[in-house]
Amino acid sequence: MKTSILIACSLIISCFGYAQQQGIINNSQSKHVKLKSINIEDCQWTDGFWAEKFKVAEETMVPYMGELLTGDKGHALNNFKIAAGLKEGKHQGMKWHDGDFYKWMEASIYIYAQNKDPKILEDLDEYIAIIAKAQEEDGYIHTKVQIEDDMFRFGNRQHHEMYNFGHLYTSACIHYRVTGKKNFLDLAIKNANFLYDTFISEPDHLKRFGFNQTQIMGLVELYRTTEDKKISRVSGTIHKHERKAQG
């Protein structure tokens, strides 16, 4: 256990000397933080409490969640297949079910960062291709709204579209930082551009759709990853109006 702690501490201290671009939070370029993230792959728990917990996540928890979400019981991947026209059926699960799937994908990437199991990447590439096919031409993707005939875009803030978008951005950024592959990041950028086109003119009827903060967190990480000022602008616009609505 002492060895694990010493390794972790030495890595954290060493990160002060140079910028690291592949942290869970990429604050390597920020002038306003004193503690900066280390790269995701730079620290491993070798024994003790956290090593045991990671092993449970690697061998049991994350794989089991994957079995549920990609199977008929969890139905999350099925929702993307239906939206993509690859499968017939109805949407099942909560309105934010897409976001749950993105979060599980993110967890899988963290596992891959440690064990380098190629099967994880192979499966993720398959899921990313399905998500990309489900995505609308203008970048919109929210399977509940896409599948249900009586629902329309941003018709109700309780549809949690923005929540799902936020987790898409975060998951795609982590995927890119760990793998260097842009297939997931590209569809996240496409969705963020849709968000920019939709919100940057500040339409009155959309000013309270930012109440889930995941989209702000996700947009910030996407901006840190791409350095695209459009993404920074739309993040600020959404955050500004939500603060006004709450105040």
C-alpha atoms as a PDB file:
ATOM      1  CA  MET A   1       0.000   0.000   0.000  1.00  0.00           C
ATOM      2  CA  LYS A   2       2.873   2.373   0.885  1.00  0.00           C
ATOM      3  CA  THR A   3       4.396   1.713  -2.528  1.00  0.00           C
ATOM      4  CA  SER A   4       1.159   2.689  -4.265  1.00  0.00           C
ATOM      5  CA  ILE A   5       0.890   5.909  -2.290  1.00  0.00           C
ATOM      6  CA  LEU A   6       4.503   6.861  -2.953  1.00  0.00           C
ATOM      7  CA  ILE A   7       4.098   6.244  -6.696  1.00  0.00           C
ATOM      8  CA  ALA A   8       0.902   8.303  -6.820  1.00  0.00           C
ATOM      9  CA  CYS A   9       2.429  11.178  -4.846  1.00  0.00           C
ATOM     10  CA  SER A  10       5.578  11.266  -6.942  1.00  0.00           C
ATOM     11  CA  LEU A  11       3.513  11.409 -10.126  1.00  0.00           C
ATOM     12  CA  ILE A  12       1.338  14.204  -8.794  1.00  0.00           C
ATOM     13  CA  ILE A  13       4.393  16.218  -7.766  1.00  0.00           C
ATOM     14  CA  SER A  14       6.130  15.618 -11.086  1.00  0.00           C
ATOM     15  CA  CYS A  15       3.189  17.028 -13.026  1.00  0.00           C
ATOM     16  CA  PHE A  16       3.964  20.527 -11.743  1.00  0.00           C
ATOM     17  CA  GLY A  17       7.086  20.639 -13.895  1.00  0.00           C
ATOM     18  CA  TYR A  18       5.401  20.211 -17.265  1.00  0.00           C
ATOM     19  CA  ALA A  19       1.966  20.354 -18.851  1.00  0.00           C
ATOM     20  CA  GLN A  20       0.064  17.111 -19.313  1.00  0.00           C
ATOM     21  CA  GLN A  21      -2.718  16.976 -21.855  1.00  0.00           C
ATOM     22  CA  GLN A  22      -4.420  13.680 -20.996  1.00  0.00           C
ATOM     23  CA  GLY A  23      -5.871  14.168 -17.553  1.00  0.00           C
ATOM     24  CA  ILE A  24      -9.448  13.374 -16.665  1.00  0.00           C
ATOM     25  CA  ILE A  25      -9.741  17.157 -16.436  1.00  0.00           C
ATOM     26  CA  ASN A  26      -7.381  18.851 -18.871  1.00  0.00           C
ATOM     27  CA  ASN A  27      -6.361  21.941 -16.947  1.00  0.00           C
ATOM     28  CA  SER A  28      -2.773  21.839 -18.226  1.00  0.00           C
ATOM     29  CA  GLN A  29      -3.108  25.219 -19.943  1.00  0.00           C
ATOM     30  CA  SER A  30      -4.993  26.978 -17.171  1.00  0.00           C
ATOM     31  CA  LYS A  31      -3.316  29.921 -15.463  1.00  0.00           C
ATOM     32  CA  HIS A  32      -5.792  29.784 -12.582  1.00  0.00           C
ATOM     33  CA  VAL A  33      -5.072  26.411 -10.965  1.00  0.00           C
ATOM     34  CA  LYS A  34      -2.253  25.358  -8.651  1.00  0.00           C
ATOM     35  CA  LEU A  35      -2.806  21.595  -8.859  1.00  0.00           C
ATOM     36  CA  LYS A  36      -2.912  20.160 -12.364  1.00  0.00           C
ATOM     37  CA  SER A  37      -4.139  16.765 -13.467  1.00  0.00           C
ATOM     38  CA  ILE A  38      -1.734  13.971 -14.258  1.00  0.00           C
ATOM     39  CA  ASN A  39      -2.314  11.868 -17.372  1.00  0.00           C
ATOM     40  CA  ILE A  40      -4.943   9.180 -16.970  1.00  0.00           C
ATOM     41  CA  GLU A  41      -2.457   6.348 -17.517  1.00  0.00           C
ATOM     42  CA  ASP A  42       0.250   7.728 -15.220  1.00  0.00           C
ATOM     43  CA  CYS A  43      -1.021   6.277 -11.956  1.00  0.00           C
ATOM     44  CA  GLN A  44      -2.008   2.706 -11.138  1.00  0.00           C
ATOM     45  CA  TRP A  45      -3.098   1.191  -7.852  1.00  0.00           C
ATOM     46  CA  THR A  46      -0.967  -1.904  -7.315  1.00  0.00           C
ATOM     47  CA  ASP A  47      -2.314  -3.113  -3.966  1.00  0.00           C
ATOM     48  CA  GLY A  48      -4.532  -2.165  -1.063  1.00  0.00           C
ATOM     49  CA  PHE A  49      -8.081  -0.828  -0.833  1.00  0.00           C
ATOM     50  CA  TRP A  50      -8.247   1.118  -4.111  1.00  0.00           C
ATOM     51  CA  ALA A  51      -6.482  -1.608  -6.072  1.00  0.00           C
ATOM     52  CA  GLU A  52      -9.132  -4.034  -4.874  1.00  0.00           C
ATOM     53  CA  LYS A  53     -11.943  -1.653  -5.803  1.00  0.00           C
ATOM     54  CA  PHE A  54     -10.477  -1.119  -9.261  1.00  0.00           C
ATOM     55  CA  LYS A  55     -10.271  -4.878  -9.774  1.00  0.00           C
ATOM     56  CA  VAL A  56     -13.965  -5.198  -8.936  1.00  0.00           C
ATOM     57  CA  ALA A  57     -14.759  -2.462 -11.445  1.00  0.00           C
ATOM     58  CA  GLU A  58     -12.531  -4.017 -14.110  1.00  0.00           C
ATOM     59  CA  GLU A  59     -13.648  -7.614 -13.742  1.00  0.00           C
ATOM     60  CA  THR A  60     -17.253  -7.359 -12.539  1.00  0.00           C
ATOM     61  CA  MET A  61     -18.984  -3.992 -12.320  1.00  0.00           C
ATOM     62  CA  VAL A  62     -18.194  -2.337 -15.650  1.00  0.00           C
ATOM     63  CA  PRO A  63     -18.520  -5.559 -17.716  1.00  0.00           C
ATOM     64  CA  TYR A  64     -21.853  -6.350 -16.039  1.00  0.00           C
ATOM     65  CA  MET A  65     -23.183  -2.867 -16.731  1.00  0.00           C
ATOM     66  CA  GLY A  66     -22.099  -3.342 -20.336  1.00  0.00           C
ATOM     67  CA  GLU A  67     -24.017  -6.598 -20.600  1.00  0.00           C
ATOM     68  CA  LEU A  68     -27.132  -4.831 -19.351  1.00  0.00           C
ATOM     69  CA  LEU A  69     -26.856  -1.668 -21.430  1.00  0.00           C
ATOM     70  CA  THR A  70     -25.939  -3.389 -24.693  1.00  0.00           C
ATOM     71  CA  GLY A  71     -28.522  -6.149 -24.213  1.00  0.00           C
ATOM     72  CA  ASP A  72     -32.298  -6.278 -24.417  1.00  0.00           C
ATOM     73  CA  LYS A  73     -32.726  -5.821 -20.680  1.00  0.00           C
ATOM     74  CA  GLY A  74     -30.937  -2.479 -20.436  1.00  0.00           C
ATOM     75  CA  HIS A  75     -31.930  -1.523 -23.987  1.00  0.00           C
ATOM     76  CA  ALA A  76     -29.649   1.531 -24.223  1.00  0.00           C
ATOM     77  CA  LEU A  77     -27.746   0.348 -27.280  1.00  0.00           C
ATOM     78  CA  ASN A  78     -31.029  -0.834 -28.789  1.00  0.00           C
ATOM     79  CA  ASN A  79     -32.317   2.742 -28.575  1.00  0.00           C
ATOM     80  CA  PHE A  80     -29.400   3.947 -30.689  1.00  0.00           C
ATOM     81  CA  LYS A  81     -29.961   1.095 -33.151  1.00  0.00           C
ATOM     82  CA  ILE A  82     -33.628   2.013 -33.495  1.00  0.00           C
ATOM     83  CA  ALA A  83     -32.787   5.699 -33.996  1.00  0.00           C
ATOM     84  CA  ALA A  84     -30.206   4.650 -36.595  1.00  0.00           C
ATOM     85  CA  GLY A  85     -32.747   2.544 -38.503  1.00  0.00           C
ATOM     86  CA  LEU A  86     -30.857  -0.653 -37.713  1.00  0.00           C
ATOM     87  CA  LYS A  87     -33.588  -2.156 -35.563  1.00  0.00           C
ATOM     88  CA  GLU A  88     -37.348  -1.944 -35.135  1.00  0.00           C
ATOM     89  CA  GLY A  89     -38.882  -1.152 -31.782  1.00  0.00           C
ATOM     90  CA  LYS A  90     -39.781   1.449 -29.194  1.00  0.00           C
ATOM     91  CA  HIS A  91     -37.600   3.511 -26.913  1.00  0.00           C
ATOM     92  CA  GLN A  92     -37.131   1.938 -23.498  1.00  0.00           C
ATOM     93  CA  GLY A  93     -35.564   3.400 -20.395  1.00  0.00           C
ATOM     94  CA  MET A  94     -35.499   6.866 -18.911  1.00  0.00           C
ATOM     95  CA  LYS A  95     -35.282  10.019 -20.992  1.00  0.00           C
ATOM     96  CA  TRP A  96     -31.617  10.337 -19.975  1.00  0.00           C
ATOM     97  CA  HIS A  97     -30.769   6.754 -20.940  1.00  0.00           C
ATOM     98  CA  ASP A  98     -28.395   7.913 -23.688  1.00  0.00           C
ATOM     99  CA  GLY A  99     -26.376   9.740 -21.051  1.00  0.00           C
ATOM    100  CA  ASP A 100     -26.151   6.598 -18.944  1.00  0.00           C
ATOM    101  CA  PHE A 101     -24.719   4.761 -21.932  1.00  0.00           C
ATOM    102  CA  TYR A 102     -22.141   7.497 -22.534  1.00  0.00           C
ATOM    103  CA  LYS A 103     -21.134   7.299 -18.869  1.00  0.00           C
ATOM    104  CA  TRP A 104     -20.650   3.551 -19.123  1.00  0.00           C
ATOM    105  CA  MET A 105     -18.538   4.058 -22.246  1.00  0.00           C
ATOM    106  CA  GLU A 106     -16.401   6.529 -20.297  1.00  0.00           C
ATOM    107  CA  ALA A 107     -15.943   3.996 -17.499  1.00  0.00           C
ATOM    108  CA  SER A 108     -14.877   1.392 -20.059  1.00  0.00           C
ATOM    109  CA  ILE A 109     -12.242   3.791 -21.412  1.00  0.00           C
ATOM    110  CA  TYR A 110     -10.789   4.246 -17.922  1.00  0.00           C
ATOM    111  CA  ILE A 111     -10.529   0.471 -17.608  1.00  0.00           C
ATOM    112  CA  TYR A 112      -8.841   0.275 -20.998  1.00  0.00           C
ATOM    113  CA  ALA A 113      -6.352   2.963 -19.964  1.00  0.00           C
ATOM    114  CA  GLN A 114      -5.119   0.581 -17.295  1.00  0.00           C
ATOM    115  CA  ASN A 115      -5.337  -2.897 -18.835  1.00  0.00           C
ATOM    116  CA  LYS A 116      -5.037  -2.142 -22.585  1.00  0.00           C
ATOM    117  CA  ASP A 117      -7.526  -4.879 -23.440  1.00  0.00           C
ATOM    118  CA  PRO A 118      -8.052  -4.487 -27.233  1.00  0.00           C
ATOM    119  CA  LYS A 119     -11.517  -6.040 -27.002  1.00  0.00           C
ATOM    120  CA  ILE A 120     -12.722  -2.965 -25.105  1.00  0.00           C
ATOM    121  CA  LEU A 121     -11.706  -0.663 -27.958  1.00  0.00           C
ATOM    122  CA  GLU A 122     -13.126  -3.024 -30.551  1.00  0.00           C
ATOM    123  CA  ASP A 123     -16.511  -2.999 -28.823  1.00  0.00           C
ATOM    124  CA  LEU A 124     -16.447   0.770 -28.311  1.00  0.00           C
ATOM    125  CA  ASP A 125     -15.679   1.350 -32.001  1.00  0.00           C
ATOM    126  CA  GLU A 126     -18.754  -0.715 -32.855  1.00  0.00           C
ATOM    127  CA  TYR A 127     -20.954   1.313 -30.501  1.00  0.00           C
ATOM    128  CA  ILE A 128     -19.533   4.635 -31.721  1.00  0.00           C
ATOM    129  CA  ALA A 129     -20.358   3.667 -35.317  1.00  0.00           C
ATOM    130  CA  ILE A 130     -23.959   2.956 -34.294  1.00  0.00           C
ATOM    131  CA  ILE A 131     -24.230   6.267 -32.409  1.00  0.00           C
ATOM    132  CA  ALA A 132     -22.812   8.117 -35.422  1.00  0.00           C
ATOM    133  CA  LYS A 133     -25.417   6.499 -37.657  1.00  0.00           C
ATOM    134  CA  ALA A 134     -28.172   7.503 -35.226  1.00  0.00           C
ATOM    135  CA  GLN A 135     -26.980  11.114 -35.178  1.00  0.00           C
ATOM    136  CA  GLU A 136     -29.005  13.513 -37.319  1.00  0.00           C
ATOM    137  CA  GLU A 137     -27.322  15.326 -40.195  1.00  0.00           C
ATOM    138  CA  ASP A 138     -27.287  18.609 -38.256  1.00  0.00           C
ATOM    139  CA  GLY A 139     -25.669  16.954 -35.236  1.00  0.00           C
ATOM    140  CA  TYR A 140     -28.711  16.387 -33.010  1.00  0.00           C
ATOM    141  CA  ILE A 141     -28.921  13.081 -31.179  1.00  0.00           C
ATOM    142  CA  HIS A 142     -31.379  12.119 -28.446  1.00  0.00           C
ATOM    143  CA  THR A 143     -32.955   8.736 -29.013  1.00  0.00           C
ATOM    144  CA  LYS A 144     -36.078   9.317 -26.917  1.00  0.00           C
ATOM    145  CA  VAL A 145     -37.067  12.332 -28.997  1.00  0.00           C
ATOM    146  CA  GLN A 146     -35.932  10.786 -32.269  1.00  0.00           C
ATOM    147  CA  ILE A 147     -37.912   7.575 -31.781  1.00  0.00           C
ATOM    148  CA  GLU A 148     -41.134   8.843 -30.192  1.00  0.00           C
ATOM    149  CA  ASP A 149     -43.580  10.360 -32.700  1.00  0.00           C
ATOM    150  CA  ASP A 150     -45.201  12.696 -30.163  1.00  0.00           C
ATOM    151  CA  MET A 151     -41.957  14.356 -29.020  1.00  0.00           C
ATOM    152  CA  PHE A 152     -39.968  17.144 -30.613  1.00  0.00           C
ATOM    153  CA  ARG A 153     -36.625  18.815 -30.008  1.00  0.00           C
ATOM    154  CA  PHE A 154     -36.407  20.917 -26.857  1.00  0.00           C
ATOM    155  CA  GLY A 155     -40.126  20.546 -26.351  1.00  0.00           C
ATOM    156  CA  ASN A 156     -39.655  20.027 -22.618  1.00  0.00           C
ATOM    157  CA  ARG A 157     -36.609  20.616 -20.467  1.00  0.00           C
ATOM    158  CA  GLN A 158     -37.450  17.395 -18.619  1.00  0.00           C
ATOM    159  CA  HIS A 159     -36.470  15.451 -21.733  1.00  0.00           C
ATOM    160  CA  HIS A 160     -32.876  15.973 -20.525  1.00  0.00           C
ATOM    161  CA  GLU A 161     -31.366  16.488 -23.956  1.00  0.00           C
ATOM    162  CA  MET A 162     -28.675  18.786 -22.568  1.00  0.00           C
ATOM    163  CA  TYR A 163     -27.793  16.292 -19.850  1.00  0.00           C
ATOM    164  CA  ASN A 164     -27.193  13.631 -22.473  1.00  0.00           C
ATOM    165  CA  PHE A 165     -25.165  16.011 -24.625  1.00  0.00           C
ATOM    166  CA  GLY A 166     -22.920  16.835 -21.676  1.00  0.00           C
ATOM    167  CA  HIS A 167     -22.060  13.220 -21.011  1.00  0.00           C
ATOM    168  CA  LEU A 168     -21.449  12.681 -24.713  1.00  0.00           C
ATOM    169  CA  TYR A 169     -18.859  15.471 -24.677  1.00  0.00           C
ATOM    170  CA  THR A 170     -17.090  14.245 -21.552  1.00  0.00           C
ATOM    171  CA  SER A 171     -16.970  10.630 -22.682  1.00  0.00           C
ATOM    172  CA  ALA A 172     -15.732  11.570 -26.158  1.00  0.00           C
ATOM    173  CA  CYS A 173     -12.956  13.756 -24.720  1.00  0.00           C
ATOM    174  CA  ILE A 174     -11.729  10.975 -22.444  1.00  0.00           C
ATOM    175  CA  HIS A 175     -11.854   8.505 -25.339  1.00  0.00           C
ATOM    176  CA  TYR A 176      -9.712  10.826 -27.463  1.00  0.00           C
ATOM    177  CA  ARG A 177      -7.203  11.505 -24.682  1.00  0.00           C
ATOM    178  CA  VAL A 178      -6.684   7.826 -23.958  1.00  0.00           C
ATOM    179  CA  THR A 179      -6.815   6.392 -27.488  1.00  0.00           C
ATOM    180  CA  GLY A 180      -5.892   9.289 -29.762  1.00  0.00           C
ATOM    181  CA  LYS A 181      -8.806   8.264 -31.997  1.00  0.00           C
ATOM    182  CA  LYS A 182     -11.227  10.934 -33.224  1.00  0.00           C
ATOM    183  CA  ASN A 183     -14.264   8.850 -34.221  1.00  0.00           C
ATOM    184  CA  PHE A 184     -16.109   9.587 -30.960  1.00  0.00           C
ATOM    185  CA  LEU A 185     -14.762  13.119 -30.636  1.00  0.00           C
ATOM    186  CA  ASP A 186     -15.911  14.037 -34.151  1.00  0.00           C
ATOM    187  CA  LEU A 187     -19.547  13.237 -33.454  1.00  0.00           C
ATOM    188  CA  ALA A 188     -19.355  15.139 -30.145  1.00  0.00           C
ATOM    189  CA  ILE A 189     -18.012  18.179 -32.005  1.00  0.00           C
ATOM    190  CA  LYS A 190     -20.792  17.817 -34.560  1.00  0.00           C
ATOM    191  CA  ASN A 191     -23.350  17.863 -31.748  1.00  0.00           C
ATOM    192  CA  ALA A 192     -21.687  20.865 -30.098  1.00  0.00           C
ATOM    193  CA  ASN A 193     -21.861  22.752 -33.398  1.00  0.00           C
ATOM    194  CA  PHE A 194     -25.576  21.962 -33.479  1.00  0.00           C
ATOM    195  CA  LEU A 195     -25.859  23.346 -29.959  1.00  0.00           C
ATOM    196  CA  TYR A 196     -24.058  26.510 -31.054  1.00  0.00           C
ATOM    197  CA  ASP A 197     -26.351  27.030 -34.044  1.00  0.00           C
ATOM    198  CA  THR A 198     -29.410  26.460 -31.846  1.00  0.00           C
ATOM    199  CA  PHE A 199     -28.522  28.549 -28.782  1.00  0.00           C
ATOM    200  CA  ILE A 200     -26.078  31.271 -29.774  1.00  0.00           C
ATOM    201  CA  SER A 201     -28.874  33.619 -30.926  1.00  0.00           C
ATOM    202  CA  GLU A 202     -30.350  33.262 -27.407  1.00  0.00           C
ATOM    203  CA  PRO A 203     -33.961  32.414 -28.326  1.00  0.00           C
ATOM    204  CA  ASP A 204     -36.311  33.157 -25.441  1.00  0.00           C
ATOM    205  CA  HIS A 205     -38.011  29.764 -25.448  1.00  0.00           C
ATOM    206  CA  LEU A 206     -34.685  27.969 -24.880  1.00  0.00           C
ATOM    207  CA  LYS A 207     -33.266  30.089 -22.089  1.00  0.00           C
ATOM    208  CA  ARG A 208     -34.019  27.600 -19.328  1.00  0.00           C
ATOM    209  CA  PHE A 209     -32.752  24.437 -20.976  1.00  0.00           C
ATOM    210  CA  GLY A 210     -29.350  24.474 -19.318  1.00  0.00           C
ATOM    211  CA  PHE A 211     -30.497  23.411 -15.856  1.00  0.00           C
ATOM    212  CA  ASN A 212     -28.397  20.225 -15.887  1.00  0.00           C
ATOM    213  CA  GLN A 213     -24.801  21.275 -15.359  1.00  0.00           C
ATOM    214  CA  THR A 214     -23.334  18.288 -17.179  1.00  0.00           C
ATOM    215  CA  GLN A 215     -23.492  20.134 -20.487  1.00  0.00           C
ATOM    216  CA  ILE A 216     -21.425  23.023 -19.054  1.00  0.00           C
ATOM    217  CA  MET A 217     -18.814  20.604 -17.705  1.00  0.00           C
ATOM    218  CA  GLY A 218     -18.813  18.688 -20.981  1.00  0.00           C
ATOM    219  CA  LEU A 219     -18.529  21.806 -23.130  1.00  0.00           C
ATOM    220  CA  VAL A 220     -15.625  23.054 -21.022  1.00  0.00           C
ATOM    221  CA  GLU A 221     -13.726  19.799 -21.538  1.00  0.00           C
ATOM    222  CA  LEU A 222     -14.593  19.818 -25.234  1.00  0.00           C
ATOM    223  CA  TYR A 223     -13.233  23.345 -25.511  1.00  0.00           C
ATOM    224  CA  ARG A 224     -10.062  22.331 -23.680  1.00  0.00           C
ATOM    225  CA  THR A 225      -9.700  19.467 -26.132  1.00  0.00           C
ATOM    226  CA  THR A 226     -10.457  21.328 -29.371  1.00  0.00           C
ATOM    227  CA  GLU A 227      -9.694  24.976 -28.430  1.00  0.00           C
ATOM    228  CA  ASP A 228     -12.667  25.891 -30.620  1.00  0.00           C
ATOM    229  CA  LYS A 229     -13.950  29.262 -29.417  1.00  0.00           C
ATOM    230  CA  LYS A 230     -17.446  28.501 -30.705  1.00  0.00           C
ATOM    231  CA  ILE A 231     -17.699  25.830 -28.029  1.00  0.00           C
ATOM    232  CA  SER A 232     -16.549  28.277 -25.370  1.00  0.00           C
ATOM    233  CA  ARG A 233     -19.113  30.834 -26.530  1.00  0.00           C
ATOM    234  CA  VAL A 234     -22.083  28.485 -26.457  1.00  0.00           C
ATOM    235  CA  SER A 235     -21.056  27.219 -23.018  1.00  0.00           C
ATOM    236  CA  GLY A 236     -21.014  30.794 -21.719  1.00  0.00           C
ATOM    237  CA  THR A 237     -24.351  31.606 -23.340  1.00  0.00           C
ATOM    238  CA  ILE A 238     -26.127  28.610 -21.829  1.00  0.00           C
ATOM    239  CA  HIS A 239     -24.583  29.180 -18.409  1.00  0.00           C
ATOM    240  CA  LYS A 240     -25.439  32.902 -18.415  1.00  0.00           C
ATOM    241  CA  HIS A 241     -29.116  32.366 -19.102  1.00  0.00           C
ATOM    242  CA  GLU A 242     -29.467  29.538 -16.643  1.00  0.00           C
ATOM    243  CA  ARG A 243     -28.004  31.722 -13.894  1.00  0.00           C
ATOM    244  CA  LYS A 244     -30.504  34.454 -14.790  1.00  0.00           C
ATOM    245  CA  ALA A 245     -33.383  31.965 -14.753  1.00  0.00           C
ATOM    246  CA  GLN A 246     -32.355  30.661 -11.334  1.00  0.00           C
ATOM    247  CA  GLY A 247     -31.749  34.128  -9.932  1.00  0.00           C
END
